[in-house]
Amino acid sequence: TGRTRSINRGQWDVTHLNALLDDANSHHALIFKALTRSLTIRREQAAFSPEAFQQFIAGDSKHLVLLRDCTQQSILVIASFADHGQSIAWPMHPDLTFSKAHDLLTDSSYQIGAPVALQPYQVLWLHLN
């Protein structure tokens, strides 16, 4: 690229950056708001504690399924790495004996056992109970 290590190290003018973040419709503001919201939600989840158990459930080059688990909470993380929508089968695993799944990021409910439709690069944090 001819840009040794600089490609991910842009220099921001604080005035310009604040103007971008103050514009609620700007690409930068939308991403910043979504990331901030995700971090707030993550911080509130016991299953995302460093002491929580993490188990690989399934995955391939297009998606990954992890179970984050502790005594207070279980979260099934499903992440799409595909640039197109996809449907994956609900993972069959002995540690997934729950009756409800609720996505913490979108406030949507998912049916246990039903295929999961994913948008390109979508991530689900399914609170299981």
N, C-alpha and C. Protein backbone atom coordinates (compact mmCIF):
# COMPACT_ATOMS: atom_id res chain seq x y z
N THR A 1 0.82 -1.20 0.00
CA THR A 1 0.00 0.00 0.00
C THR A 1 0.86 1.26 0.00
N GLY A 2 2.11 1.12 0.39
CA GLY A 2 2.96 2.29 0.47
C GLY A 2 2.64 3.16 1.68
N ARG A 3 1.78 2.66 2.57
CA ARG A 3 1.36 3.42 3.75
C ARG A 3 1.67 2.59 5.00
N THR A 4 2.93 2.36 5.25
CA THR A 4 3.35 1.51 6.34
C THR A 4 2.68 1.90 7.64
N ARG A 5 1.82 0.99 8.12
CA ARG A 5 1.13 1.10 9.40
C ARG A 5 0.25 2.33 9.56
N SER A 6 0.16 3.18 8.56
CA SER A 6 -0.63 4.41 8.71
C SER A 6 -2.08 4.21 8.29
N ILE A 7 -2.37 3.10 7.61
CA ILE A 7 -3.71 2.94 7.06
C ILE A 7 -4.78 2.92 8.16
N ASN A 8 -4.47 2.40 9.33
CA ASN A 8 -5.42 2.35 10.44
C ASN A 8 -5.13 3.39 11.52
N ARG A 9 -4.30 4.33 11.21
CA ARG A 9 -3.90 5.32 12.21
C ARG A 9 -4.11 6.73 11.70
N GLY A 10 -5.32 6.99 11.28
CA GLY A 10 -5.62 8.33 10.79
C GLY A 10 -5.52 9.37 11.89
N GLN A 11 -5.21 10.56 11.51
CA GLN A 11 -5.12 11.68 12.45
C GLN A 11 -6.40 12.49 12.33
N TRP A 12 -7.08 12.70 13.44
CA TRP A 12 -8.35 13.43 13.45
C TRP A 12 -8.16 14.82 14.01
N ASP A 13 -8.77 15.77 13.36
CA ASP A 13 -8.89 17.11 13.92
C ASP A 13 -10.09 17.07 14.85
N VAL A 14 -9.91 17.39 16.10
CA VAL A 14 -10.98 17.24 17.10
C VAL A 14 -12.22 18.05 16.74
N THR A 15 -12.06 19.22 16.16
CA THR A 15 -13.21 20.03 15.77
C THR A 15 -14.01 19.34 14.66
N HIS A 16 -13.31 18.82 13.68
CA HIS A 16 -13.96 18.11 12.57
C HIS A 16 -14.65 16.84 13.08
N LEU A 17 -13.96 16.10 13.93
CA LEU A 17 -14.54 14.87 14.47
C LEU A 17 -15.78 15.17 15.30
N ASN A 18 -15.74 16.17 16.14
CA ASN A 18 -16.92 16.54 16.93
C ASN A 18 -18.08 16.96 16.04
N ALA A 19 -17.78 17.65 14.94
CA ALA A 19 -18.84 18.05 14.01
C ALA A 19 -19.47 16.80 13.37
N LEU A 20 -18.66 15.82 13.01
CA LEU A 20 -19.19 14.57 12.44
C LEU A 20 -20.06 13.83 13.46
N LEU A 21 -19.60 13.78 14.70
CA LEU A 21 -20.35 13.06 15.73
C LEU A 21 -21.60 13.81 16.15
N ASP A 22 -21.60 15.13 16.02
CA ASP A 22 -22.80 15.92 16.35
C ASP A 22 -23.89 15.80 15.30
N ASP A 23 -23.51 15.41 14.09
CA ASP A 23 -24.49 15.21 13.02
C ASP A 23 -25.05 13.80 13.16
N ALA A 24 -26.26 13.70 13.73
CA ALA A 24 -26.86 12.39 14.05
C ALA A 24 -27.01 11.49 12.83
N ASN A 25 -26.99 12.04 11.63
CA ASN A 25 -27.16 11.24 10.42
C ASN A 25 -25.84 10.87 9.74
N SER A 26 -24.73 11.33 10.29
CA SER A 26 -23.45 11.02 9.66
C SER A 26 -23.07 9.56 9.92
N HIS A 27 -22.34 9.00 9.00
CA HIS A 27 -21.86 7.62 9.11
C HIS A 27 -21.09 7.43 10.42
N HIS A 28 -20.23 8.39 10.73
CA HIS A 28 -19.41 8.30 11.94
C HIS A 28 -20.27 8.31 13.21
N ALA A 29 -21.27 9.18 13.24
CA ALA A 29 -22.14 9.27 14.42
C ALA A 29 -22.97 8.00 14.60
N LEU A 30 -23.48 7.45 13.50
CA LEU A 30 -24.28 6.23 13.58
C LEU A 30 -23.44 5.06 14.11
N ILE A 31 -22.22 4.92 13.62
CA ILE A 31 -21.34 3.85 14.09
C ILE A 31 -20.94 4.08 15.54
N PHE A 32 -20.59 5.31 15.89
CA PHE A 32 -20.20 5.62 17.27
C PHE A 32 -21.35 5.32 18.24
N LYS A 33 -22.56 5.71 17.86
CA LYS A 33 -23.72 5.46 18.72
C LYS A 33 -23.96 3.96 18.89
N ALA A 34 -23.88 3.20 17.81
CA ALA A 34 -24.09 1.75 17.88
C ALA A 34 -23.01 1.07 18.73
N LEU A 35 -21.76 1.47 18.55
CA LEU A 35 -20.68 0.88 19.35
C LEU A 35 -20.82 1.23 20.82
N THR A 36 -21.15 2.47 21.12
CA THR A 36 -21.34 2.90 22.50
C THR A 36 -22.49 2.12 23.15
N ARG A 37 -23.58 1.95 22.42
CA ARG A 37 -24.72 1.19 22.93
C ARG A 37 -24.34 -0.26 23.18
N SER A 38 -23.60 -0.87 22.25
CA SER A 38 -23.17 -2.25 22.41
C SER A 38 -22.27 -2.42 23.64
N LEU A 39 -21.37 -1.50 23.84
CA LEU A 39 -20.48 -1.57 25.01
C LEU A 39 -21.26 -1.42 26.31
N THR A 40 -22.27 -0.55 26.31
CA THR A 40 -23.11 -0.38 27.50
C THR A 40 -23.87 -1.67 27.81
N ILE A 41 -24.46 -2.27 26.78
CA ILE A 41 -25.19 -3.52 26.97
C ILE A 41 -24.23 -4.62 27.44
N ARG A 42 -23.07 -4.71 26.82
CA ARG A 42 -22.10 -5.75 27.18
C ARG A 42 -21.67 -5.63 28.63
N ARG A 43 -21.43 -4.42 29.08
CA ARG A 43 -20.97 -4.18 30.45
C ARG A 43 -22.00 -4.67 31.48
N GLU A 44 -23.28 -4.68 31.10
CA GLU A 44 -24.35 -5.07 32.02
C GLU A 44 -24.58 -6.59 32.08
N GLN A 45 -23.87 -7.37 31.25
CA GLN A 45 -24.12 -8.80 31.15
C GLN A 45 -23.07 -9.60 31.93
N ALA A 46 -23.52 -10.37 32.90
CA ALA A 46 -22.62 -11.20 33.69
C ALA A 46 -21.90 -12.24 32.83
N ALA A 47 -22.57 -12.73 31.78
CA ALA A 47 -21.98 -13.75 30.92
C ALA A 47 -20.80 -13.23 30.09
N PHE A 48 -20.63 -11.92 30.01
CA PHE A 48 -19.49 -11.35 29.30
C PHE A 48 -18.34 -11.00 30.24
N SER A 49 -18.45 -11.39 31.49
CA SER A 49 -17.36 -11.19 32.44
C SER A 49 -16.16 -12.02 32.01
N PRO A 50 -14.95 -11.55 32.27
CA PRO A 50 -13.76 -12.35 31.95
C PRO A 50 -13.75 -13.70 32.67
N GLU A 51 -14.43 -13.80 33.81
CA GLU A 51 -14.47 -15.05 34.56
C GLU A 51 -15.51 -16.03 34.02
N ALA A 52 -16.39 -15.58 33.13
CA ALA A 52 -17.44 -16.44 32.59
C ALA A 52 -16.83 -17.50 31.67
N PHE A 53 -17.54 -18.60 31.56
CA PHE A 53 -17.15 -19.71 30.72
C PHE A 53 -17.48 -19.38 29.26
N GLN A 54 -16.60 -19.73 28.35
CA GLN A 54 -16.86 -19.55 26.92
C GLN A 54 -16.63 -20.87 26.21
N GLN A 55 -17.60 -21.25 25.39
CA GLN A 55 -17.51 -22.52 24.68
C GLN A 55 -17.84 -22.34 23.20
N PHE A 56 -16.98 -22.87 22.35
CA PHE A 56 -17.24 -22.90 20.91
C PHE A 56 -18.34 -23.92 20.66
N ILE A 57 -19.40 -23.50 19.95
CA ILE A 57 -20.52 -24.38 19.66
C ILE A 57 -20.49 -24.84 18.20
N ALA A 58 -20.32 -23.91 17.28
CA ALA A 58 -20.31 -24.23 15.85
C ALA A 58 -19.68 -23.09 15.08
N GLY A 59 -19.34 -23.36 13.84
CA GLY A 59 -18.82 -22.29 13.00
C GLY A 59 -18.16 -22.82 11.75
N ASP A 60 -18.00 -21.91 10.82
CA ASP A 60 -17.28 -22.17 9.59
C ASP A 60 -16.77 -20.81 9.09
N SER A 61 -16.42 -20.72 7.83
CA SER A 61 -15.86 -19.47 7.31
C SER A 61 -16.91 -18.36 7.22
N LYS A 62 -18.21 -18.69 7.39
CA LYS A 62 -19.26 -17.68 7.25
C LYS A 62 -19.96 -17.31 8.54
N HIS A 63 -19.77 -18.09 9.61
CA HIS A 63 -20.42 -17.74 10.88
C HIS A 63 -19.71 -18.43 12.04
N LEU A 64 -20.00 -17.94 13.23
CA LEU A 64 -19.43 -18.47 14.46
C LEU A 64 -20.50 -18.45 15.54
N VAL A 65 -20.58 -19.52 16.34
CA VAL A 65 -21.53 -19.59 17.44
C VAL A 65 -20.74 -19.93 18.71
N LEU A 66 -20.87 -19.07 19.72
CA LEU A 66 -20.21 -19.27 21.01
C LEU A 66 -21.25 -19.21 22.11
N LEU A 67 -21.03 -19.95 23.17
CA LEU A 67 -21.86 -19.86 24.37
C LEU A 67 -21.04 -19.20 25.46
N ARG A 68 -21.55 -18.10 25.98
CA ARG A 68 -20.96 -17.42 27.15
C ARG A 68 -21.87 -17.76 28.32
N ASP A 69 -21.29 -18.26 29.41
CA ASP A 69 -22.12 -18.82 30.46
C ASP A 69 -21.50 -18.57 31.83
N CYS A 70 -22.36 -18.25 32.78
CA CYS A 70 -21.97 -18.15 34.18
C CYS A 70 -23.20 -18.54 35.01
N THR A 71 -23.09 -18.52 36.30
CA THR A 71 -24.22 -18.95 37.13
C THR A 71 -25.44 -18.05 36.98
N GLN A 72 -25.25 -16.77 36.67
CA GLN A 72 -26.35 -15.83 36.56
C GLN A 72 -26.98 -15.75 35.17
N GLN A 73 -26.26 -16.18 34.12
CA GLN A 73 -26.73 -15.86 32.78
C GLN A 73 -26.05 -16.73 31.72
N SER A 74 -26.78 -16.97 30.63
CA SER A 74 -26.22 -17.64 29.46
C SER A 74 -26.54 -16.80 28.22
N ILE A 75 -25.53 -16.56 27.41
CA ILE A 75 -25.70 -15.80 26.17
C ILE A 75 -25.10 -16.60 25.03
N LEU A 76 -25.89 -16.80 23.98
CA LEU A 76 -25.42 -17.44 22.77
C LEU A 76 -25.04 -16.33 21.80
N VAL A 77 -23.78 -16.28 21.42
CA VAL A 77 -23.28 -15.28 20.48
C VAL A 77 -23.25 -15.92 19.10
N ILE A 78 -23.94 -15.30 18.16
CA ILE A 78 -23.93 -15.78 16.77
C ILE A 78 -23.44 -14.61 15.92
N ALA A 79 -22.35 -14.84 15.19
CA ALA A 79 -21.75 -13.78 14.38
C ALA A 79 -21.64 -14.24 12.93
N SER A 80 -22.09 -13.39 12.02
CA SER A 80 -21.97 -13.65 10.59
C SER A 80 -20.73 -12.95 10.05
N PHE A 81 -19.96 -13.68 9.24
CA PHE A 81 -18.80 -13.09 8.56
C PHE A 81 -19.05 -12.98 7.07
N ALA A 82 -20.29 -13.20 6.64
CA ALA A 82 -20.63 -13.22 5.22
C ALA A 82 -21.08 -11.84 4.74
N ASP A 83 -20.79 -11.54 3.49
CA ASP A 83 -21.22 -10.27 2.90
C ASP A 83 -22.61 -10.37 2.30
N HIS A 84 -23.34 -11.42 2.65
CA HIS A 84 -24.71 -11.64 2.18
C HIS A 84 -25.52 -12.26 3.33
N GLY A 85 -26.84 -12.15 3.24
CA GLY A 85 -27.68 -12.77 4.24
C GLY A 85 -27.54 -14.28 4.20
N GLN A 86 -27.77 -14.92 5.34
CA GLN A 86 -27.69 -16.36 5.40
C GLN A 86 -28.62 -16.88 6.49
N SER A 87 -28.96 -18.12 6.39
CA SER A 87 -29.77 -18.78 7.40
C SER A 87 -28.96 -19.95 7.93
N ILE A 88 -28.83 -20.02 9.26
CA ILE A 88 -28.11 -21.14 9.85
C ILE A 88 -29.06 -21.93 10.73
N ALA A 89 -28.81 -23.22 10.82
CA ALA A 89 -29.63 -24.08 11.67
C ALA A 89 -29.37 -23.72 13.13
N TRP A 90 -30.43 -23.81 13.95
CA TRP A 90 -30.26 -23.61 15.39
C TRP A 90 -29.27 -24.67 15.87
N PRO A 91 -28.25 -24.27 16.61
CA PRO A 91 -27.24 -25.25 17.02
C PRO A 91 -27.82 -26.28 17.99
N MET A 92 -27.58 -27.53 17.68
CA MET A 92 -27.98 -28.61 18.57
C MET A 92 -26.79 -28.95 19.45
N HIS A 93 -26.94 -28.70 20.74
CA HIS A 93 -25.85 -28.91 21.68
C HIS A 93 -26.44 -29.21 23.04
N PRO A 94 -25.86 -30.12 23.80
CA PRO A 94 -26.43 -30.50 25.10
C PRO A 94 -26.50 -29.34 26.11
N ASP A 95 -25.67 -28.33 25.96
CA ASP A 95 -25.69 -27.19 26.88
C ASP A 95 -26.72 -26.14 26.50
N LEU A 96 -27.47 -26.36 25.43
CA LEU A 96 -28.46 -25.39 24.96
C LEU A 96 -29.88 -25.90 25.21
N THR A 97 -30.20 -26.10 26.47
CA THR A 97 -31.53 -26.61 26.84
C THR A 97 -32.35 -25.48 27.45
N PHE A 98 -32.67 -24.50 26.64
CA PHE A 98 -33.41 -23.33 27.08
C PHE A 98 -34.73 -23.25 26.33
N SER A 99 -35.64 -22.43 26.82
CA SER A 99 -36.94 -22.31 26.15
C SER A 99 -37.12 -20.97 25.44
N LYS A 100 -36.30 -19.97 25.78
CA LYS A 100 -36.44 -18.65 25.18
C LYS A 100 -35.08 -18.10 24.79
N ALA A 101 -35.07 -17.31 23.70
CA ALA A 101 -33.87 -16.61 23.25
C ALA A 101 -34.26 -15.19 22.86
N HIS A 102 -33.60 -14.22 23.48
CA HIS A 102 -33.92 -12.81 23.25
C HIS A 102 -32.63 -12.07 22.92
N ASP A 103 -32.60 -11.40 21.74
CA ASP A 103 -31.40 -10.68 21.33
C ASP A 103 -31.27 -9.38 22.10
N LEU A 104 -30.17 -9.23 22.80
CA LEU A 104 -29.93 -8.04 23.62
C LEU A 104 -29.64 -6.81 22.76
N LEU A 105 -29.17 -7.01 21.54
CA LEU A 105 -28.81 -5.87 20.69
C LEU A 105 -30.01 -5.28 19.94
N THR A 106 -30.97 -6.12 19.56
CA THR A 106 -32.10 -5.64 18.77
C THR A 106 -33.44 -5.72 19.50
N ASP A 107 -33.43 -6.33 20.67
CA ASP A 107 -34.66 -6.52 21.46
C ASP A 107 -35.65 -7.42 20.72
N SER A 108 -35.13 -8.35 19.93
CA SER A 108 -35.97 -9.29 19.18
C SER A 108 -35.93 -10.66 19.84
N SER A 109 -37.02 -11.40 19.71
CA SER A 109 -37.07 -12.77 20.23
C SER A 109 -36.84 -13.76 19.11
N TYR A 110 -36.21 -14.87 19.46
CA TYR A 110 -35.93 -15.94 18.51
C TYR A 110 -36.51 -17.23 19.03
N GLN A 111 -36.98 -18.05 18.12
CA GLN A 111 -37.57 -19.32 18.49
C GLN A 111 -36.47 -20.38 18.63
N ILE A 112 -36.39 -20.99 19.80
CA ILE A 112 -35.42 -22.05 20.03
C ILE A 112 -35.68 -23.18 19.03
N GLY A 113 -34.67 -23.66 18.38
CA GLY A 113 -34.79 -24.76 17.44
C GLY A 113 -35.05 -24.35 16.01
N ALA A 114 -35.49 -23.11 15.79
CA ALA A 114 -35.78 -22.64 14.43
C ALA A 114 -34.50 -22.11 13.77
N PRO A 115 -34.42 -22.16 12.44
CA PRO A 115 -33.26 -21.58 11.76
C PRO A 115 -33.13 -20.09 12.11
N VAL A 116 -31.91 -19.61 12.10
CA VAL A 116 -31.62 -18.22 12.44
C VAL A 116 -31.22 -17.49 11.16
N ALA A 117 -31.99 -16.47 10.79
CA ALA A 117 -31.68 -15.64 9.63
C ALA A 117 -30.73 -14.53 10.05
N LEU A 118 -29.63 -14.40 9.34
CA LEU A 118 -28.63 -13.38 9.64
C LEU A 118 -28.44 -12.45 8.46
N GLN A 119 -28.36 -11.17 8.74
CA GLN A 119 -28.01 -10.17 7.74
C GLN A 119 -26.49 -10.19 7.55
N PRO A 120 -25.97 -9.58 6.49
CA PRO A 120 -24.52 -9.53 6.33
C PRO A 120 -23.83 -8.94 7.57
N TYR A 121 -22.86 -9.65 8.08
CA TYR A 121 -22.02 -9.22 9.21
C TYR A 121 -22.80 -8.98 10.51
N GLN A 122 -23.98 -9.51 10.62
CA GLN A 122 -24.80 -9.32 11.81
C GLN A 122 -24.25 -10.12 12.99
N VAL A 123 -24.42 -9.56 14.17
CA VAL A 123 -24.06 -10.24 15.41
C VAL A 123 -25.30 -10.28 16.29
N LEU A 124 -25.56 -11.44 16.88
CA LEU A 124 -26.65 -11.61 17.83
C LEU A 124 -26.07 -11.95 19.19
N TRP A 125 -26.62 -11.35 20.24
CA TRP A 125 -26.31 -11.73 21.61
C TRP A 125 -27.59 -12.25 22.20
N LEU A 126 -27.82 -13.55 22.08
CA LEU A 126 -29.09 -14.15 22.49
C LEU A 126 -29.04 -14.54 23.97
N HIS A 127 -29.81 -13.81 24.77
CA HIS A 127 -29.95 -14.13 26.18
C HIS A 127 -30.86 -15.35 26.26
N LEU A 128 -30.35 -16.41 26.84
CA LEU A 128 -31.11 -17.67 26.91
C LEU A 128 -31.70 -17.84 28.30
N ASN A 129 -32.98 -18.26 28.33
CA ASN A 129 -33.58 -18.60 29.63
C ASN A 129 -34.73 -19.56 29.43
